[in-house]
């Protein structure tokens, strides 16, 4: 069975000091089929430069500052897959998080 892709949405506002760690934790996932989108909620720091340093491997969307819920929703509106993971820009995820969550969901198709 083909692995389902998972979109990881990282909403951020002036969290450039932490963003690289958050993105790197996504790339450290044991689950191979992930897409990363950073939603920049009007940051005035180096957020765009950090995303650009990944040379196209991380998607980027910029919007005027509207707050965290609006940034999350903007990311979700731009997803293309059935599974979505939200990761705050000042957080990291363990390497098996996505694989564990996909396995949990696929074992319970009625959920």
PDB file of N, CA and C in Angstrom:
ATOM      1  N   UNK A   1       0.837  -1.177   0.000  1.00  0.00           N
ATOM      2  CA  UNK A   1       0.000   0.000   0.000  1.00  0.00           C
ATOM      3  C   UNK A   1       0.888   1.248   0.000  1.00  0.00           C
ATOM      4  N   UNK A   2       0.526   2.223  -0.820  1.00  0.00           N
ATOM      5  CA  UNK A   2       1.280   3.461  -0.922  1.00  0.00           C
ATOM      6  C   UNK A   2       1.135   4.287   0.354  1.00  0.00           C
ATOM      7  N   UNK A   3       2.247   4.855   0.797  1.00  0.00           N
ATOM      8  CA  UNK A   3       2.216   5.717   1.975  1.00  0.00           C
ATOM      9  C   UNK A   3       1.478   7.005   1.645  1.00  0.00           C
ATOM     10  N   UNK A   4       0.586   7.405   2.527  1.00  0.00           N
ATOM     11  CA  UNK A   4      -0.111   8.672   2.368  1.00  0.00           C
ATOM     12  C   UNK A   4       0.818   9.799   2.786  1.00  0.00           C
ATOM     13  N   UNK A   5       0.793  10.855   2.026  1.00  0.00           N
ATOM     14  CA  UNK A   5       1.602  12.018   2.387  1.00  0.00           C
ATOM     15  C   UNK A   5       0.938  12.788   3.515  1.00  0.00           C
ATOM     16  N   UNK A   6       1.771  13.428   4.314  1.00  0.00           N
ATOM     17  CA  UNK A   6       1.312  14.233   5.438  1.00  0.00           C
ATOM     18  C   UNK A   6       1.840  15.649   5.254  1.00  0.00           C
ATOM     19  N   UNK A   7       0.955  16.620   5.341  1.00  0.00           N
ATOM     20  CA  UNK A   7       1.349  18.020   5.282  1.00  0.00           C
ATOM     21  C   UNK A   7       1.589  18.503   6.709  1.00  0.00           C
ATOM     22  N   UNK A   8       2.774  19.040   6.952  1.00  0.00           N
ATOM     23  CA  UNK A   8       3.088  19.622   8.254  1.00  0.00           C
ATOM     24  C   UNK A   8       3.058  21.138   8.096  1.00  0.00           C
ATOM     25  N   UNK A   9       2.152  21.763   8.829  1.00  0.00           N
ATOM     26  CA  UNK A   9       1.961  23.203   8.768  1.00  0.00           C
ATOM     27  C   UNK A   9       2.660  23.827   9.976  1.00  0.00           C
ATOM     28  N   UNK A  10       3.532  24.809   9.712  1.00  0.00           N
ATOM     29  CA  UNK A  10       4.223  25.508  10.783  1.00  0.00           C
ATOM     30  C   UNK A  10       3.840  26.991  10.716  1.00  0.00           C
ATOM     31  N   UNK A  11       2.841  27.407  11.505  1.00  0.00           N
ATOM     32  CA  UNK A  11       2.509  28.829  11.548  1.00  0.00           C
ATOM     33  C   UNK A  11       3.538  29.554  12.404  1.00  0.00           C
ATOM     34  N   UNK A  12       3.917  30.754  12.003  1.00  0.00           N
ATOM     35  CA  UNK A  12       4.925  31.462  12.791  1.00  0.00           C
ATOM     36  C   UNK A  12       4.743  32.975  12.711  1.00  0.00           C
ATOM     37  N   UNK A  13       5.188  33.610  13.781  1.00  0.00           N
ATOM     38  CA  UNK A  13       5.237  35.070  13.841  1.00  0.00           C
ATOM     39  C   UNK A  13       6.458  35.450  14.670  1.00  0.00           C
ATOM     40  N   UNK A  14       7.486  35.947  13.997  1.00  0.00           N
ATOM     41  CA  UNK A  14       8.724  36.375  14.646  1.00  0.00           C
ATOM     42  C   UNK A  14       9.333  35.289  15.540  1.00  0.00           C
ATOM     43  N   UNK A  15       9.360  34.087  15.039  1.00  0.00           N
ATOM     44  CA  UNK A  15       9.956  32.971  15.792  1.00  0.00           C
ATOM     45  C   UNK A  15      11.179  32.408  15.064  1.00  0.00           C
ATOM     46  N   UNK A  16      11.869  33.261  14.331  1.00  0.00           N
ATOM     47  CA  UNK A  16      13.049  32.836  13.599  1.00  0.00           C
ATOM     48  C   UNK A  16      14.103  32.177  14.477  1.00  0.00           C
ATOM     49  N   UNK A  17      14.180  32.558  15.734  1.00  0.00           N
ATOM     50  CA  UNK A  17      15.164  31.974  16.641  1.00  0.00           C
ATOM     51  C   UNK A  17      14.935  30.480  16.861  1.00  0.00           C
ATOM     52  N   UNK A  18      13.722  30.011  16.623  1.00  0.00           N
ATOM     53  CA  UNK A  18      13.375  28.614  16.872  1.00  0.00           C
ATOM     54  C   UNK A  18      13.008  27.841  15.607  1.00  0.00           C
ATOM     55  N   UNK A  19      12.708  28.551  14.551  1.00  0.00           N
ATOM     56  CA  UNK A  19      12.125  27.940  13.353  1.00  0.00           C
ATOM     57  C   UNK A  19      12.982  26.829  12.759  1.00  0.00           C
ATOM     58  N   UNK A  20      14.285  27.029  12.681  1.00  0.00           N
ATOM     59  CA  UNK A  20      15.157  26.009  12.085  1.00  0.00           C
ATOM     60  C   UNK A  20      15.053  24.683  12.841  1.00  0.00           C
ATOM     61  N   UNK A  21      14.991  24.739  14.168  1.00  0.00           N
ATOM     62  CA  UNK A  21      14.850  23.504  14.951  1.00  0.00           C
ATOM     63  C   UNK A  21      13.524  22.813  14.654  1.00  0.00           C
ATOM     64  N   UNK A  22      12.467  23.583  14.507  1.00  0.00           N
ATOM     65  CA  UNK A  22      11.163  23.005  14.190  1.00  0.00           C
ATOM     66  C   UNK A  22      11.200  22.320  12.824  1.00  0.00           C
ATOM     67  N   UNK A  23      11.743  23.006  11.822  1.00  0.00           N
ATOM     68  CA  UNK A  23      11.824  22.433  10.475  1.00  0.00           C
ATOM     69  C   UNK A  23      12.706  21.187  10.470  1.00  0.00           C
ATOM     70  N   UNK A  24      13.857  21.271  11.120  1.00  0.00           N
ATOM     71  CA  UNK A  24      14.761  20.113  11.150  1.00  0.00           C
ATOM     72  C   UNK A  24      14.111  18.912  11.815  1.00  0.00           C
ATOM     73  N   UNK A  25      13.265  19.144  12.818  1.00  0.00           N
ATOM     74  CA  UNK A  25      12.583  18.014  13.457  1.00  0.00           C
ATOM     75  C   UNK A  25      11.590  17.365  12.497  1.00  0.00           C
ATOM     76  N   UNK A  26      11.079  18.133  11.547  1.00  0.00           N
ATOM     77  CA  UNK A  26      10.201  17.557  10.518  1.00  0.00           C
ATOM     78  C   UNK A  26      11.011  16.676   9.566  1.00  0.00           C
ATOM     79  N   UNK A  27      12.177  17.163   9.162  1.00  0.00           N
ATOM     80  CA  UNK A  27      13.025  16.380   8.265  1.00  0.00           C
ATOM     81  C   UNK A  27      13.597  15.134   8.941  1.00  0.00           C
ATOM     82  N   UNK A  28      13.599  15.088  10.261  1.00  0.00           N
ATOM     83  CA  UNK A  28      14.099  13.926  10.996  1.00  0.00           C
ATOM     84  C   UNK A  28      13.038  12.841  11.167  1.00  0.00           C
ATOM     85  N   UNK A  29      11.861  13.042  10.611  1.00  0.00           N
ATOM     86  CA  UNK A  29      10.785  12.067  10.762  1.00  0.00           C
ATOM     87  C   UNK A  29      11.133  10.725  10.116  1.00  0.00           C
ATOM     88  N   UNK A  30      10.727   9.642  10.758  1.00  0.00           N
ATOM     89  CA  UNK A  30      10.922   8.306  10.191  1.00  0.00           C
ATOM     90  C   UNK A  30       9.898   8.025   9.099  1.00  0.00           C
ATOM     91  N   UNK A  31       8.822   8.771   9.085  1.00  0.00           N
ATOM     92  CA  UNK A  31       7.804   8.635   8.044  1.00  0.00           C
ATOM     93  C   UNK A  31       8.290   9.398   6.816  1.00  0.00           C
ATOM     94  N   UNK A  32       8.379   8.740   5.664  1.00  0.00           N
ATOM     95  CA  UNK A  32       9.061   9.351   4.522  1.00  0.00           C
ATOM     96  C   UNK A  32       8.257  10.363   3.702  1.00  0.00           C
ATOM     97  N   UNK A  33       6.955  10.342   3.810  1.00  0.00           N
ATOM     98  CA  UNK A  33       6.132  11.137   2.890  1.00  0.00           C
ATOM     99  C   UNK A  33       5.564  12.362   3.587  1.00  0.00           C
ATOM    100  N   UNK A  34       6.403  13.390   3.728  1.00  0.00           N
ATOM    101  CA  UNK A  34       5.933  14.615   4.369  1.00  0.00           C
ATOM    102  C   UNK A  34       6.183  15.815   3.465  1.00  0.00           C
ATOM    103  N   UNK A  35       5.333  16.806   3.632  1.00  0.00           N
ATOM    104  CA  UNK A  35       5.491  18.109   2.991  1.00  0.00           C
ATOM    105  C   UNK A  35       5.425  19.144   4.106  1.00  0.00           C
ATOM    106  N   UNK A  36       6.283  20.139   4.041  1.00  0.00           N
ATOM    107  CA  UNK A  36       6.350  21.153   5.091  1.00  0.00           C
ATOM    108  C   UNK A  36       5.960  22.500   4.494  1.00  0.00           C
ATOM    109  N   UNK A  37       5.069  23.200   5.185  1.00  0.00           N
ATOM    110  CA  UNK A  37       4.662  24.540   4.780  1.00  0.00           C
ATOM    111  C   UNK A  37       4.769  25.468   5.981  1.00  0.00           C
ATOM    112  N   UNK A  38       5.587  26.508   5.848  1.00  0.00           N
ATOM    113  CA  UNK A  38       5.676  27.542   6.865  1.00  0.00           C
ATOM    114  C   UNK A  38       4.717  28.659   6.475  1.00  0.00           C
ATOM    115  N   UNK A  39       3.826  29.007   7.390  1.00  0.00           N
ATOM    116  CA  UNK A  39       2.902  30.119   7.183  1.00  0.00           C
ATOM    117  C   UNK A  39       3.410  31.279   8.030  1.00  0.00           C
ATOM    118  N   UNK A  40       3.933  32.271   7.358  1.00  0.00           N
ATOM    119  CA  UNK A  40       4.503  33.450   8.002  1.00  0.00           C
ATOM    120  C   UNK A  40       3.391  34.468   8.216  1.00  0.00           C
ATOM    121  N   UNK A  41       3.062  34.695   9.470  1.00  0.00           N
ATOM    122  CA  UNK A  41       1.955  35.568   9.835  1.00  0.00           C
ATOM    123  C   UNK A  41       2.435  37.008  10.044  1.00  0.00           C
ATOM    124  N   UNK A  42       3.143  37.537   9.046  1.00  0.00           N
ATOM    125  CA  UNK A  42       3.573  38.925   9.090  1.00  0.00           C
ATOM    126  C   UNK A  42       4.850  39.169   9.879  1.00  0.00           C
ATOM    127  N   UNK A  43       5.729  38.188   9.940  1.00  0.00           N
ATOM    128  CA  UNK A  43       6.977  38.332  10.701  1.00  0.00           C
ATOM    129  C   UNK A  43       7.839  39.466  10.165  1.00  0.00           C
ATOM    130  N   UNK A  44       8.591  40.066  11.083  1.00  0.00           N
ATOM    131  CA  UNK A  44       9.548  41.100  10.706  1.00  0.00           C
ATOM    132  C   UNK A  44      10.976  40.645  10.985  1.00  0.00           C
ATOM    133  N   UNK A  45      11.153  39.373  11.295  1.00  0.00           N
ATOM    134  CA  UNK A  45      12.488  38.828  11.566  1.00  0.00           C
ATOM    135  C   UNK A  45      13.012  38.089  10.330  1.00  0.00           C
ATOM    136  N   UNK A  46      13.863  37.121  10.512  1.00  0.00           N
ATOM    137  CA  UNK A  46      14.511  36.398   9.408  1.00  0.00           C
ATOM    138  C   UNK A  46      13.781  35.121   9.001  1.00  0.00           C
ATOM    139  N   UNK A  47      12.510  35.046   9.232  1.00  0.00           N
ATOM    140  CA  UNK A  47      11.744  33.839   8.903  1.00  0.00           C
ATOM    141  C   UNK A  47      11.898  33.445   7.439  1.00  0.00           C
ATOM    142  N   UNK A  48      11.698  34.362   6.523  1.00  0.00           N
ATOM    143  CA  UNK A  48      11.783  34.032   5.090  1.00  0.00           C
ATOM    144  C   UNK A  48      13.178  33.540   4.722  1.00  0.00           C
ATOM    145  N   UNK A  49      14.213  34.155   5.249  1.00  0.00           N
ATOM    146  CA  UNK A  49      15.578  33.731   4.939  1.00  0.00           C
ATOM    147  C   UNK A  49      15.846  32.308   5.432  1.00  0.00           C
ATOM    148  N   UNK A  50      15.296  31.973   6.588  1.00  0.00           N
ATOM    149  CA  UNK A  50      15.458  30.612   7.102  1.00  0.00           C
ATOM    150  C   UNK A  50      14.791  29.618   6.173  1.00  0.00           C
ATOM    151  N   UNK A  51      13.561  29.891   5.775  1.00  0.00           N
ATOM    152  CA  UNK A  51      12.858  28.990   4.849  1.00  0.00           C
ATOM    153  C   UNK A  51      13.612  28.896   3.525  1.00  0.00           C
ATOM    154  N   UNK A  52      14.078  30.022   3.014  1.00  0.00           N
ATOM    155  CA  UNK A  52      14.819  30.023   1.742  1.00  0.00           C
ATOM    156  C   UNK A  52      16.087  29.175   1.821  1.00  0.00           C
ATOM    157  N   UNK A  53      16.685  29.067   2.996  1.00  0.00           N
ATOM    158  CA  UNK A  53      17.918  28.291   3.138  1.00  0.00           C
ATOM    159  C   UNK A  53      17.696  26.798   2.892  1.00  0.00           C
ATOM    160  N   UNK A  54      16.445  26.352   2.888  1.00  0.00           N
ATOM    161  CA  UNK A  54      16.132  24.950   2.607  1.00  0.00           C
ATOM    162  C   UNK A  54      15.953  24.692   1.109  1.00  0.00           C
ATOM    163  N   UNK A  55      16.204  25.684   0.305  1.00  0.00           N
ATOM    164  CA  UNK A  55      16.281  25.589  -1.156  1.00  0.00           C
ATOM    165  C   UNK A  55      15.089  24.861  -1.798  1.00  0.00           C
ATOM    166  N   UNK A  56      13.906  25.319  -1.461  1.00  0.00           N
ATOM    167  CA  UNK A  56      12.706  24.782  -2.096  1.00  0.00           C
ATOM    168  C   UNK A  56      12.130  23.531  -1.446  1.00  0.00           C
ATOM    169  N   UNK A  57      12.774  23.003  -0.423  1.00  0.00           N
ATOM    170  CA  UNK A  57      12.267  21.803   0.250  1.00  0.00           C
ATOM    171  C   UNK A  57      11.161  22.114   1.255  1.00  0.00           C
ATOM    172  N   UNK A  58      11.029  23.398   1.580  1.00  0.00           N
ATOM    173  CA  UNK A  58      10.007  23.846   2.527  1.00  0.00           C
ATOM    174  C   UNK A  58       9.155  24.893   1.832  1.00  0.00           C
ATOM    175  N   UNK A  59       7.844  24.681   1.847  1.00  0.00           N
ATOM    176  CA  UNK A  59       6.939  25.660   1.262  1.00  0.00           C
ATOM    177  C   UNK A  59       6.827  26.881   2.159  1.00  0.00           C
ATOM    178  N   UNK A  60       6.451  28.002   1.556  1.00  0.00           N
ATOM    179  CA  UNK A  60       6.361  29.257   2.298  1.00  0.00           C
ATOM    180  C   UNK A  60       5.147  30.036   1.823  1.00  0.00           C
ATOM    181  N   UNK A  61       4.385  30.532   2.785  1.00  0.00           N
ATOM    182  CA  UNK A  61       3.259  31.407   2.490  1.00  0.00           C
ATOM    183  C   UNK A  61       3.307  32.562   3.474  1.00  0.00           C
ATOM    184  N   UNK A  62       3.239  33.789   2.963  1.00  0.00           N
ATOM    185  CA  UNK A  62       3.272  34.986   3.805  1.00  0.00           C
ATOM    186  C   UNK A  62       1.904  35.651   3.778  1.00  0.00           C
ATOM    187  N   UNK A  63       1.464  36.065   4.944  1.00  0.00           N
ATOM    188  CA  UNK A  63       0.228  36.833   5.026  1.00  0.00           C
ATOM    189  C   UNK A  63       0.424  37.965   6.026  1.00  0.00           C
ATOM    190  N   UNK A  64      -0.446  38.943   5.943  1.00  0.00           N
ATOM    191  CA  UNK A  64      -0.467  40.033   6.919  1.00  0.00           C
ATOM    192  C   UNK A  64      -0.814  39.437   8.274  1.00  0.00           C
ATOM    193  N   UNK A  65      -0.289  39.997   9.345  1.00  0.00           N
ATOM    194  CA  UNK A  65      -0.511  39.448  10.681  1.00  0.00           C
ATOM    195  C   UNK A  65      -1.996  39.413  11.021  1.00  0.00           C
ATOM    196  N   UNK A  66      -2.481  38.186  11.282  1.00  0.00           N
ATOM    197  CA  UNK A  66      -3.888  37.975  11.634  1.00  0.00           C
ATOM    198  C   UNK A  66      -4.033  37.122  12.884  1.00  0.00           C
ATOM    199  N   UNK A  67      -2.926  36.652  13.432  1.00  0.00           N
ATOM    200  CA  UNK A  67      -2.977  35.820  14.625  1.00  0.00           C
ATOM    201  C   UNK A  67      -2.825  34.342  14.311  1.00  0.00           C
ATOM    202  N   UNK A  68      -2.494  33.586  15.353  1.00  0.00           N
ATOM    203  CA  UNK A  68      -2.210  32.158  15.211  1.00  0.00           C
ATOM    204  C   UNK A  68      -3.348  31.343  14.591  1.00  0.00           C
ATOM    205  N   UNK A  69      -4.594  31.486  15.035  1.00  0.00           N
ATOM    206  CA  UNK A  69      -5.662  30.690  14.411  1.00  0.00           C
ATOM    207  C   UNK A  69      -5.781  30.944  12.904  1.00  0.00           C
ATOM    208  N   UNK A  70      -5.660  32.203  12.500  1.00  0.00           N
ATOM    209  CA  UNK A  70      -5.756  32.522  11.074  1.00  0.00           C
ATOM    210  C   UNK A  70      -4.577  31.932  10.297  1.00  0.00           C
ATOM    211  N   UNK A  71      -3.396  31.933  10.894  1.00  0.00           N
ATOM    212  CA  UNK A  71      -2.227  31.349  10.232  1.00  0.00           C
ATOM    213  C   UNK A  71      -2.394  29.844  10.084  1.00  0.00           C
ATOM    214  N   UNK A  72      -2.888  29.193  11.117  1.00  0.00           N
ATOM    215  CA  UNK A  72      -3.151  27.744  11.022  1.00  0.00           C
ATOM    216  C   UNK A  72      -4.169  27.466   9.915  1.00  0.00           C
ATOM    217  N   UNK A  73      -5.240  28.228   9.907  1.00  0.00           N
ATOM    218  CA  UNK A  73      -6.274  28.021   8.884  1.00  0.00           C
ATOM    219  C   UNK A  73      -5.736  28.271   7.484  1.00  0.00           C
ATOM    220  N   UNK A  74      -4.884  29.283   7.318  1.00  0.00           N
ATOM    221  CA  UNK A  74      -4.287  29.557   6.005  1.00  0.00           C
ATOM    222  C   UNK A  74      -3.448  28.372   5.549  1.00  0.00           C
ATOM    223  N   UNK A  75      -2.741  27.758   6.470  1.00  0.00           N
ATOM    224  CA  UNK A  75      -1.954  26.578   6.133  1.00  0.00           C
ATOM    225  C   UNK A  75      -2.832  25.406   5.740  1.00  0.00           C
ATOM    226  N   UNK A  76      -3.856  25.174   6.510  1.00  0.00           N
ATOM    227  CA  UNK A  76      -4.772  24.058   6.217  1.00  0.00           C
ATOM    228  C   UNK A  76      -5.436  24.252   4.861  1.00  0.00           C
ATOM    229  N   UNK A  77      -5.792  25.483   4.531  1.00  0.00           N
ATOM    230  CA  UNK A  77      -6.400  25.767   3.221  1.00  0.00           C
ATOM    231  C   UNK A  77      -5.460  25.433   2.067  1.00  0.00           C
ATOM    232  N   UNK A  78      -4.168  25.383   2.333  1.00  0.00           N
ATOM    233  CA  UNK A  78      -3.177  25.133   1.279  1.00  0.00           C
ATOM    234  C   UNK A  78      -2.654  23.703   1.292  1.00  0.00           C
ATOM    235  N   UNK A  79      -3.265  22.833   2.076  1.00  0.00           N
ATOM    236  CA  UNK A  79      -2.830  21.440   2.107  1.00  0.00           C
ATOM    237  C   UNK A  79      -3.405  20.683   0.916  1.00  0.00           C
ATOM    238  N   UNK A  80      -2.733  19.609   0.588  1.00  0.00           N
ATOM    239  CA  UNK A  80      -3.160  18.788  -0.536  1.00  0.00           C
ATOM    240  C   UNK A  80      -3.373  17.340  -0.135  1.00  0.00           C
ATOM    241  N   UNK A  81      -3.195  17.029   1.117  1.00  0.00           N
ATOM    242  CA  UNK A  81      -3.254  15.645   1.563  1.00  0.00           C
ATOM    243  C   UNK A  81      -4.332  15.454   2.622  1.00  0.00           C
ATOM    244  N   UNK A  82      -4.677  14.194   2.821  1.00  0.00           N
ATOM    245  CA  UNK A  82      -5.718  13.861   3.787  1.00  0.00           C
ATOM    246  C   UNK A  82      -5.262  14.099   5.226  1.00  0.00           C
ATOM    247  N   UNK A  83      -3.969  13.897   5.472  1.00  0.00           N
ATOM    248  CA  UNK A  83      -3.442  14.046   6.821  1.00  0.00           C
ATOM    249  C   UNK A  83      -2.679  15.355   6.961  1.00  0.00           C
ATOM    250  N   UNK A  84      -2.950  16.055   8.072  1.00  0.00           N
ATOM    251  CA  UNK A  84      -2.313  17.335   8.353  1.00  0.00           C
ATOM    252  C   UNK A  84      -1.815  17.317   9.796  1.00  0.00           C
ATOM    253  N   UNK A  85      -0.620  17.829   9.978  1.00  0.00           N
ATOM    254  CA  UNK A  85      -0.025  17.963  11.306  1.00  0.00           C
ATOM    255  C   UNK A  85       0.298  19.443  11.499  1.00  0.00           C
ATOM    256  N   UNK A  86      -0.082  19.997  12.636  1.00  0.00           N
ATOM    257  CA  UNK A  86       0.236  21.385  12.954  1.00  0.00           C
ATOM    258  C   UNK A  86       1.386  21.375  13.960  1.00  0.00           C
ATOM    259  N   UNK A  87       2.420  22.148  13.657  1.00  0.00           N
ATOM    260  CA  UNK A  87       3.576  22.248  14.550  1.00  0.00           C
ATOM    261  C   UNK A  87       3.869  23.716  14.805  1.00  0.00           C
ATOM    262  N   UNK A  88       3.827  24.126  16.060  1.00  0.00           N
ATOM    263  CA  UNK A  88       4.182  25.507  16.374  1.00  0.00           C
ATOM    264  C   UNK A  88       5.663  25.723  16.085  1.00  0.00           C
ATOM    265  N   UNK A  89       6.011  26.913  15.634  1.00  0.00           N
ATOM    266  CA  UNK A  89       7.370  27.216  15.193  1.00  0.00           C
ATOM    267  C   UNK A  89       8.389  27.195  16.329  1.00  0.00           C
ATOM    268  N   UNK A  90       7.941  27.277  17.558  1.00  0.00           N
ATOM    269  CA  UNK A  90       8.871  27.240  18.689  1.00  0.00           C
ATOM    270  C   UNK A  90       8.849  25.881  19.384  1.00  0.00           C
ATOM    271  N   UNK A  91       8.503  24.853  18.626  1.00  0.00           N
ATOM    272  CA  UNK A  91       8.407  23.495  19.163  1.00  0.00           C
ATOM    273  C   UNK A  91       9.133  22.543  18.228  1.00  0.00           C
ATOM    274  N   UNK A  92       9.385  21.328  18.691  1.00  0.00           N
ATOM    275  CA  UNK A  92       9.951  20.273  17.856  1.00  0.00           C
ATOM    276  C   UNK A  92       9.117  19.013  18.064  1.00  0.00           C
ATOM    277  N   UNK A  93       9.220  18.103  17.103  1.00  0.00           N
ATOM    278  CA  UNK A  93       8.501  16.837  17.224  1.00  0.00           C
ATOM    279  C   UNK A  93       9.505  15.687  17.233  1.00  0.00           C
ATOM    280  N   UNK A  94       9.166  14.646  17.962  1.00  0.00           N
ATOM    281  CA  UNK A  94      10.012  13.455  18.005  1.00  0.00           C
ATOM    282  C   UNK A  94      10.015  12.767  16.640  1.00  0.00           C
ATOM    283  N   UNK A  95      11.084  12.062  16.304  1.00  0.00           N
ATOM    284  CA  UNK A  95      11.214  11.474  14.967  1.00  0.00           C
ATOM    285  C   UNK A  95      10.091  10.518  14.548  1.00  0.00           C
ATOM    286  N   UNK A  96       9.442   9.877  15.489  1.00  0.00           N
ATOM    287  CA  UNK A  96       8.393   8.914  15.112  1.00  0.00           C
ATOM    288  C   UNK A  96       6.976   9.490  15.198  1.00  0.00           C
ATOM    289  N   UNK A  97       6.835  10.765  15.491  1.00  0.00           N
ATOM    290  CA  UNK A  97       5.497  11.348  15.697  1.00  0.00           C
ATOM    291  C   UNK A  97       4.566  11.120  14.510  1.00  0.00           C
ATOM    292  N   UNK A  98       4.994  11.485  13.320  1.00  0.00           N
ATOM    293  CA  UNK A  98       4.121  11.369  12.149  1.00  0.00           C
ATOM    294  C   UNK A  98       3.818   9.897  11.856  1.00  0.00           C
ATOM    295  N   UNK A  99       4.826   9.043  11.902  1.00  0.00           N
ATOM    296  CA  UNK A  99       4.616   7.612  11.642  1.00  0.00           C
ATOM    297  C   UNK A  99       3.643   7.018  12.654  1.00  0.00           C
ATOM    298  N   UNK A 100       3.803   7.368  13.923  1.00  0.00           N
ATOM    299  CA  UNK A 100       2.914   6.847  14.967  1.00  0.00           C
ATOM    300  C   UNK A 100       1.478   7.324  14.754  1.00  0.00           C
ATOM    301  N   UNK A 101       1.306   8.584  14.395  1.00  0.00           N
ATOM    302  CA  UNK A 101      -0.043   9.106  14.199  1.00  0.00           C
ATOM    303  C   UNK A 101      -0.707   8.532  12.955  1.00  0.00           C
ATOM    304  N   UNK A 102       0.049   8.370  11.883  1.00  0.00           N
ATOM    305  CA  UNK A 102      -0.523   7.760  10.677  1.00  0.00           C
ATOM    306  C   UNK A 102      -0.923   6.318  10.966  1.00  0.00           C
ATOM    307  N   UNK A 103      -0.066   5.566  11.646  1.00  0.00           N
ATOM    308  CA  UNK A 103      -0.396   4.174  11.984  1.00  0.00           C
ATOM    309  C   UNK A 103      -1.649   4.110  12.847  1.00  0.00           C
ATOM    310  N   UNK A 104      -1.775   5.013  13.798  1.00  0.00           N
ATOM    311  CA  UNK A 104      -2.950   5.055  14.658  1.00  0.00           C
ATOM    312  C   UNK A 104      -4.200   5.313  13.838  1.00  0.00           C
ATOM    313  N   UNK A 105      -4.159   6.291  12.953  1.00  0.00           N
ATOM    314  CA  UNK A 105      -5.329   6.623  12.134  1.00  0.00           C
ATOM    315  C   UNK A 105      -5.690   5.507  11.174  1.00  0.00           C
ATOM    316  N   UNK A 106      -4.703   4.900  10.552  1.00  0.00           N
ATOM    317  CA  UNK A 106      -4.994   3.861   9.576  1.00  0.00           C
ATOM    318  C   UNK A 106      -5.484   2.571  10.224  1.00  0.00           C
ATOM    319  N   UNK A 107      -5.165   2.363  11.487  1.00  0.00           N
ATOM    320  CA  UNK A 107      -5.667   1.197  12.221  1.00  0.00           C
ATOM    321  C   UNK A 107      -7.108   1.398  12.662  1.00  0.00           C
ATOM    322  N   UNK A 108      -7.594   2.639  12.553  1.00  0.00           N
ATOM    323  CA  UNK A 108      -8.957   2.975  12.971  1.00  0.00           C
ATOM    324  C   UNK A 108      -9.662   3.789  11.869  1.00  0.00           C
ATOM    325  N   UNK A 109      -9.958   3.159  10.756  1.00  0.00           N
ATOM    326  CA  UNK A 109     -10.541   3.922   9.642  1.00  0.00           C
ATOM    327  C   UNK A 109     -11.906   4.514   9.971  1.00  0.00           C
ATOM    328  N   UNK A 110     -12.556   4.028  10.992  1.00  0.00           N
ATOM    329  CA  UNK A 110     -13.860   4.563  11.367  1.00  0.00           C
ATOM    330  C   UNK A 110     -13.753   5.888  12.101  1.00  0.00           C
ATOM    331  N   UNK A 111     -12.555   6.246  12.567  1.00  0.00           N
ATOM    332  CA  UNK A 111     -12.361   7.477  13.346  1.00  0.00           C
ATOM    333  C   UNK A 111     -12.438   8.708  12.490  1.00  0.00           C
TER     334      UNK A 111
END
